Protein backbone atom coordinates (compact mmCIF):
# COMPACT_ATOMS: atom_id res chain seq x y z
CA MET A 1 -95.77 115.87 -168.86
CA ASP A 2 -97.78 118.13 -166.54
CA LEU A 3 -96.29 118.42 -163.06
CA THR A 4 -98.47 118.75 -159.98
CA PRO A 5 -97.83 121.48 -157.35
CA GLN A 6 -96.51 118.71 -155.08
CA ALA A 7 -94.00 117.70 -157.75
CA TYR A 8 -92.75 121.28 -158.00
CA ARG A 9 -92.41 121.43 -154.21
CA SER A 10 -90.38 118.19 -154.28
CA ILE A 11 -88.05 119.71 -156.86
CA ILE A 12 -87.54 122.86 -154.80
CA ASP A 13 -86.96 120.80 -151.63
CA ILE A 14 -83.90 119.03 -153.09
CA LEU A 15 -82.16 122.30 -153.96
CA PRO A 16 -79.12 123.13 -151.78
CA GLU A 17 -80.25 126.77 -151.49
CA GLY A 18 -82.80 127.88 -148.95
CA ILE A 19 -86.00 129.09 -150.63
CA TYR A 20 -88.83 131.00 -149.02
CA VAL A 21 -91.81 132.92 -150.35
CA VAL A 22 -93.67 135.80 -148.71
CA ASP A 23 -96.97 137.45 -149.60
CA ARG A 24 -97.54 141.21 -149.85
CA ARG A 25 -97.87 141.43 -146.07
CA LYS A 26 -94.41 139.81 -145.89
CA SER A 27 -95.81 136.72 -144.17
CA ILE A 28 -93.96 133.50 -145.04
CA VAL A 29 -96.11 131.17 -147.17
CA TYR A 30 -93.45 128.70 -148.36
CA TRP A 31 -90.28 127.36 -146.72
CA ASN A 32 -88.16 124.59 -148.25
CA GLU A 33 -86.00 121.94 -146.57
CA ALA A 34 -82.72 123.79 -147.18
CA ALA A 35 -84.18 126.87 -145.47
CA GLU A 36 -84.90 124.64 -142.46
CA ARG A 37 -81.34 123.30 -142.48
CA ILE A 38 -79.59 126.67 -142.85
CA SER A 39 -81.77 128.58 -140.35
CA GLY A 40 -82.72 125.83 -137.89
CA PHE A 41 -86.41 126.86 -138.12
CA SER A 42 -88.95 124.26 -139.27
CA LYS A 43 -91.89 124.95 -141.59
CA LEU A 44 -94.30 124.78 -138.65
CA GLU A 45 -92.37 127.51 -136.85
CA VAL A 46 -92.31 130.00 -139.72
CA LEU A 47 -95.33 129.56 -141.99
CA GLY A 48 -97.80 132.41 -141.54
CA ARG A 49 -95.28 134.55 -139.64
CA ARG A 50 -93.19 137.51 -140.77
CA CYS A 51 -89.44 136.92 -140.97
CA ALA A 52 -88.84 140.00 -138.78
CA ALA A 53 -91.01 138.56 -135.97
CA ASN A 54 -88.09 137.18 -133.93
CA LEU A 55 -87.21 134.84 -136.80
CA LEU A 56 -84.54 135.67 -139.40
CA CYS A 57 -84.02 139.32 -138.34
CA HIS A 58 -81.49 140.13 -141.08
CA LEU A 59 -78.42 142.27 -140.31
CA ASP A 60 -76.00 144.00 -142.65
CA ALA A 61 -72.19 143.84 -142.39
CA GLU A 62 -72.21 146.73 -139.90
CA GLY A 63 -74.63 144.97 -137.57
CA ALA A 64 -77.59 147.23 -138.47
CA SER A 65 -81.04 145.66 -138.67
CA LEU A 66 -82.41 145.38 -142.21
CA CYS A 67 -85.92 145.04 -140.82
CA ASP A 68 -85.94 148.77 -140.01
CA GLY A 69 -86.18 150.07 -143.57
CA GLU A 70 -83.58 148.32 -145.72
CA CYS A 71 -85.28 144.93 -145.91
CA PRO A 72 -84.32 143.30 -149.24
CA VAL A 73 -87.62 141.40 -149.40
CA SER A 74 -89.56 144.64 -148.85
CA HIS A 75 -87.62 146.27 -151.68
CA ALA A 76 -88.54 143.40 -154.01
CA ILE A 77 -92.24 143.84 -153.14
CA ASP A 78 -92.43 147.63 -152.90
CA LEU A 79 -90.13 148.47 -155.83
CA GLY A 80 -90.66 145.38 -157.96
CA HIS A 81 -86.91 144.92 -158.45
CA SER A 82 -84.75 141.80 -158.26
CA SER A 83 -81.53 142.11 -156.28
CA ASP A 84 -78.55 140.23 -154.88
CA SER A 85 -77.15 140.82 -151.41
CA GLU A 86 -75.03 139.38 -148.59
CA PHE A 87 -76.10 139.71 -144.97
CA TYR A 88 -76.64 137.75 -141.75
CA LEU A 89 -79.69 135.82 -140.63
CA HIS A 90 -80.61 134.78 -137.12
CA HIS A 91 -80.27 131.02 -136.56
CA LYS A 92 -82.75 129.31 -134.25
CA ASN A 93 -79.87 128.40 -131.91
CA GLY A 94 -79.11 132.09 -131.46
CA HIS A 95 -76.01 132.75 -133.55
CA ARG A 96 -75.73 134.70 -136.80
CA VAL A 97 -75.15 132.97 -140.15
CA PRO A 98 -73.61 134.82 -143.14
CA ILE A 99 -75.67 134.24 -146.29
CA SER A 100 -75.73 135.22 -149.94
CA ALA A 101 -79.27 135.88 -151.17
CA ARG A 102 -81.20 136.71 -154.33
CA MET A 103 -84.61 138.38 -154.11
CA LYS A 104 -87.21 138.47 -156.87
CA PRO A 105 -90.76 139.89 -156.89
CA LEU A 106 -93.68 137.60 -157.76
CA HIS A 107 -96.47 138.83 -160.07
CA ASP A 108 -100.02 137.71 -160.70
CA GLU A 109 -101.58 137.33 -164.15
CA GLU A 110 -102.30 141.07 -164.30
CA GLY A 111 -98.68 141.90 -163.55
CA GLU A 112 -99.30 143.11 -160.02
CA VAL A 113 -96.71 142.28 -157.37
CA VAL A 114 -98.23 139.74 -154.97
CA GLY A 115 -95.16 138.77 -152.99
CA ALA A 116 -91.48 137.88 -153.28
CA VAL A 117 -89.18 134.87 -153.27
CA MET A 118 -85.73 134.68 -151.70
CA ALA A 119 -83.08 132.07 -152.48
CA PHE A 120 -80.16 132.03 -150.05
CA SER A 121 -76.93 130.09 -149.46
CA ASP A 122 -74.86 129.60 -146.32
CA LEU A 123 -71.49 131.36 -146.71
CA SER A 124 -69.89 129.79 -143.63
CA SER A 125 -67.25 127.15 -144.34
CA LYS A 126 -69.15 124.23 -142.86
CA ALA A 127 -67.29 121.48 -144.73
CA ALA A 128 -63.93 122.77 -143.50
CA ASP A 129 -65.37 123.19 -140.01
CA GLN A 130 -66.52 119.56 -139.92
CA GLU A 131 -63.07 118.32 -140.89
CA ARG A 132 -61.49 120.55 -138.27
CA LEU A 133 -63.91 119.24 -135.63
CA LYS A 134 -63.04 115.63 -136.48
CA GLU A 135 -59.34 116.32 -136.07
CA LEU A 136 -59.87 118.18 -132.81
CA GLU A 137 -62.00 115.34 -131.46
CA LYS A 138 -59.23 112.85 -132.26
CA LEU A 139 -56.73 114.96 -130.36
CA ALA A 140 -59.08 115.65 -127.44
CA LEU A 141 -58.70 119.35 -128.16
CA LEU A 142 -62.37 120.18 -128.51
CA ASP A 143 -64.48 121.96 -125.91
CA ARG A 144 -67.54 119.71 -125.67
CA LEU A 145 -70.07 122.38 -124.81
CA THR A 146 -69.23 124.98 -127.45
CA GLN A 147 -67.60 122.78 -130.12
CA LEU A 148 -64.72 125.27 -130.28
CA ALA A 149 -61.05 124.59 -129.60
CA ASN A 150 -60.28 124.17 -125.91
CA ARG A 151 -57.63 126.04 -123.92
CA HIS A 152 -54.93 123.45 -124.54
CA TYR A 153 -55.37 123.70 -128.30
CA LEU A 154 -55.42 127.51 -128.15
CA GLU A 155 -52.09 127.46 -126.31
CA ARG A 156 -50.62 125.19 -128.99
CA GLU A 157 -51.92 127.51 -131.70
CA LEU A 158 -50.47 130.59 -129.98
CA ASP A 159 -47.10 128.87 -129.64
CA ALA A 160 -47.10 127.99 -133.36
CA ARG A 161 -48.12 131.50 -134.40
CA LEU A 162 -45.38 133.09 -132.23
CA GLU A 163 -42.80 130.82 -133.83
CA GLU A 164 -44.14 131.74 -137.27
CA LEU A 165 -43.92 135.45 -136.39
CA ARG A 166 -40.30 135.16 -135.23
CA ARG A 167 -39.12 133.05 -138.17
CA TYR A 168 -41.07 134.50 -141.08
CA GLY A 169 -42.46 137.80 -139.83
CA ILE A 170 -46.09 136.75 -140.39
CA PRO A 171 -48.21 138.93 -138.08
CA PHE A 172 -51.15 137.75 -136.02
CA GLY A 173 -53.53 139.18 -133.47
CA VAL A 174 -55.38 137.97 -130.40
CA MET A 175 -58.84 138.88 -129.18
CA PHE A 176 -59.75 138.09 -125.58
CA MET A 177 -63.55 138.10 -125.24
CA ASP A 178 -65.74 137.83 -122.16
CA LEU A 179 -69.54 137.75 -121.90
CA ASP A 180 -70.98 140.73 -120.02
CA ASN A 181 -73.17 140.09 -116.96
CA PHE A 182 -73.22 136.35 -117.61
CA LYS A 183 -73.79 135.54 -113.93
CA GLN A 184 -77.13 137.34 -114.15
CA VAL A 185 -78.16 135.04 -117.02
CA ASN A 186 -77.34 131.95 -114.95
CA ASP A 187 -79.02 133.34 -111.83
CA ARG A 188 -82.22 134.28 -113.65
CA PHE A 189 -82.60 131.46 -116.19
CA GLY A 190 -80.44 128.63 -114.84
CA HIS A 191 -77.24 127.01 -116.01
CA GLU A 192 -78.91 125.04 -118.81
CA VAL A 193 -79.98 128.27 -120.51
CA GLY A 194 -76.56 129.73 -119.69
CA ASP A 195 -74.97 126.84 -121.58
CA ARG A 196 -77.20 127.54 -124.57
CA VAL A 197 -76.07 131.17 -124.51
CA LEU A 198 -72.43 130.07 -124.53
CA GLN A 199 -73.24 127.81 -127.48
CA PHE A 200 -74.85 130.51 -129.59
CA VAL A 201 -72.01 132.94 -128.90
CA ALA A 202 -69.54 130.22 -129.88
CA GLY A 203 -71.61 129.53 -132.98
CA THR A 204 -71.33 133.19 -133.98
CA PHE A 205 -67.53 132.96 -133.77
CA ASN A 206 -67.45 129.65 -135.61
CA VAL A 207 -69.55 130.43 -138.66
CA ASN A 208 -68.12 133.93 -139.10
CA SER A 209 -64.43 133.02 -138.89
CA ARG A 210 -61.92 132.83 -141.70
CA PRO A 211 -60.64 129.28 -142.45
CA PHE A 212 -57.11 130.09 -141.22
CA ASP A 213 -58.17 131.71 -137.91
CA LEU A 214 -59.00 129.89 -134.69
CA TYR A 215 -61.56 130.60 -131.98
CA GLY A 216 -61.73 128.73 -128.72
CA ARG A 217 -63.07 128.71 -125.19
CA TRP A 218 -60.45 129.84 -122.69
CA GLY A 219 -62.61 129.01 -119.68
CA GLY A 220 -66.05 129.78 -118.25
CA GLU A 221 -67.53 132.57 -120.35
CA GLU A 222 -64.14 133.64 -121.77
CA PHE A 223 -63.20 133.11 -125.42
CA VAL A 224 -60.03 133.73 -127.40
CA GLY A 225 -59.69 134.41 -131.13
CA VAL A 226 -56.36 134.01 -132.95
CA ALA A 227 -56.33 135.87 -136.28
CA ARG A 228 -53.45 135.27 -138.69
CA ASN A 229 -51.88 137.78 -141.07
CA VAL A 230 -53.79 140.85 -139.88
CA SER A 231 -53.04 144.55 -139.43
CA CYS A 232 -54.28 146.76 -136.59
CA SER A 233 -57.25 147.91 -138.65
CA ASP A 234 -58.05 144.34 -139.75
CA LEU A 235 -58.13 143.12 -136.16
CA LYS A 236 -60.28 146.02 -134.99
CA GLN A 237 -62.73 145.47 -137.85
CA MET A 238 -62.98 141.73 -137.13
CA GLY A 239 -63.54 142.32 -133.43
CA GLN A 240 -66.17 145.01 -133.94
CA ARG A 241 -68.04 142.82 -136.44
CA LEU A 242 -68.13 139.89 -134.01
CA ARG A 243 -69.17 142.18 -131.15
CA LYS A 244 -72.08 143.57 -133.14
CA LEU A 245 -73.17 140.14 -134.36
CA VAL A 246 -73.28 138.81 -130.79
CA GLU A 247 -75.13 141.92 -129.61
CA LYS A 248 -77.81 141.45 -132.30
CA SER A 249 -78.18 137.69 -131.71
CA PHE A 250 -80.72 136.25 -129.29
CA LEU A 251 -82.47 133.21 -127.85
CA LEU A 252 -86.18 133.04 -127.18
CA GLN A 253 -86.68 131.79 -123.64
CA ASP A 254 -90.29 131.66 -122.39
CA GLU A 255 -91.15 134.36 -124.96
CA ILE A 256 -88.32 136.52 -123.59
CA LYS A 257 -85.78 137.73 -126.12
CA LEU A 258 -82.55 136.81 -124.34
CA GLN A 259 -79.57 138.81 -125.60
CA VAL A 260 -75.99 139.15 -124.37
CA THR A 261 -72.98 141.29 -125.22
CA ILE A 262 -69.23 140.76 -125.14
CA SER A 263 -66.31 142.93 -124.09
CA ILE A 264 -63.15 142.49 -126.16
CA GLY A 265 -59.46 143.20 -125.70
CA ALA A 266 -57.50 143.02 -128.96
CA THR A 267 -53.76 143.23 -129.58
CA LEU A 268 -51.14 142.33 -132.18
CA ALA A 269 -48.38 139.95 -131.12
CA SER A 270 -44.74 141.06 -131.03
CA GLU A 271 -41.63 138.91 -131.40
CA SER A 272 -40.77 139.47 -127.73
CA ASP A 273 -44.13 138.09 -126.56
CA SER A 274 -44.72 134.81 -124.77
CA ILE A 275 -48.10 133.14 -124.60
CA ALA A 276 -48.50 134.45 -121.06
CA SER A 277 -47.61 138.07 -121.90
CA LEU A 278 -49.83 138.08 -124.99
CA ILE A 279 -52.87 136.71 -123.17
CA GLN A 280 -52.25 138.96 -120.15
CA ARG A 281 -52.16 142.05 -122.39
CA ALA A 282 -55.35 141.07 -124.27
CA ASP A 283 -57.06 140.20 -120.98
CA SER A 284 -56.09 143.58 -119.47
CA LEU A 285 -57.47 145.36 -122.54
CA MET A 286 -60.69 143.39 -122.21
CA TYR A 287 -61.07 144.62 -118.62
CA GLN A 288 -60.61 148.17 -119.89
CA SER A 289 -63.61 147.52 -122.13
CA LYS A 290 -65.55 146.33 -119.07
CA ALA A 291 -64.57 149.40 -117.07
CA ALA A 292 -65.56 151.72 -119.94
CA GLY A 293 -69.13 150.41 -120.00
CA LYS A 294 -68.94 146.91 -121.52
CA ASN A 295 -70.01 145.80 -125.01
CA ARG A 296 -67.00 147.41 -126.63
CA LEU A 297 -63.52 146.67 -128.00
CA THR A 298 -60.29 148.09 -126.65
CA PHE A 299 -57.16 147.79 -128.79
CA GLY A 300 -53.61 148.13 -127.58
């Protein structure tokens, strides 16, 4: 049985992995349905464009742009080598999505490299997130705008973690995070765009969190992360990774690349802490980050 090109496209479209193909100029010439689902970008939005042109804008684990010389697709084309890698892509809604990808060069009949193909999978725990959202909705503990836990649920979580610390000695840390200069975003672009910014920042926390940690909206543009079983270095590393991912995320608004940053205060809980003292300490550390120039983490 000879399959038509359309039949092959249908086969690729049912795969759970995102698949896209670029030519030698690194312009996207094929984009399957899973790529649309994982990235949020439709075929019409990406075909004929380069992935670095305010589209996927890949980042490594340190928050550095891979479009500035370490592009895995470029390596497949320029070096002719297949490779596997994990990094972050830019979702259409603004947040960063962790992915696992495999790149392979494409050759013509003469053996010349004519492009490359990338297959990628979403590493965020979406199934677990959906179950968690359903439970939070039942308990009216979900912040409607950001789809994160609300303040009431965060307080319940902090109370449970403090009890766990006192009884079993299981450590946990808190990150108090506030968007920098958010009033300027609202004043310039309006509250609807401001809400979208809050959503993409929340999305960054959500898809890059461990299953046993919790992130929520404390109020306004303030967020709190509760990280279980962490050391000082673990908490600092988590906070810096989230800070860099938010910094490198963006929304396109009237062809303007809208970016925001966050200031973070991070601290480990002690057995003598209450919810109030723990949040007050993290909040004070966050304001130290603001005073030191914003877009930074202060640990204490």
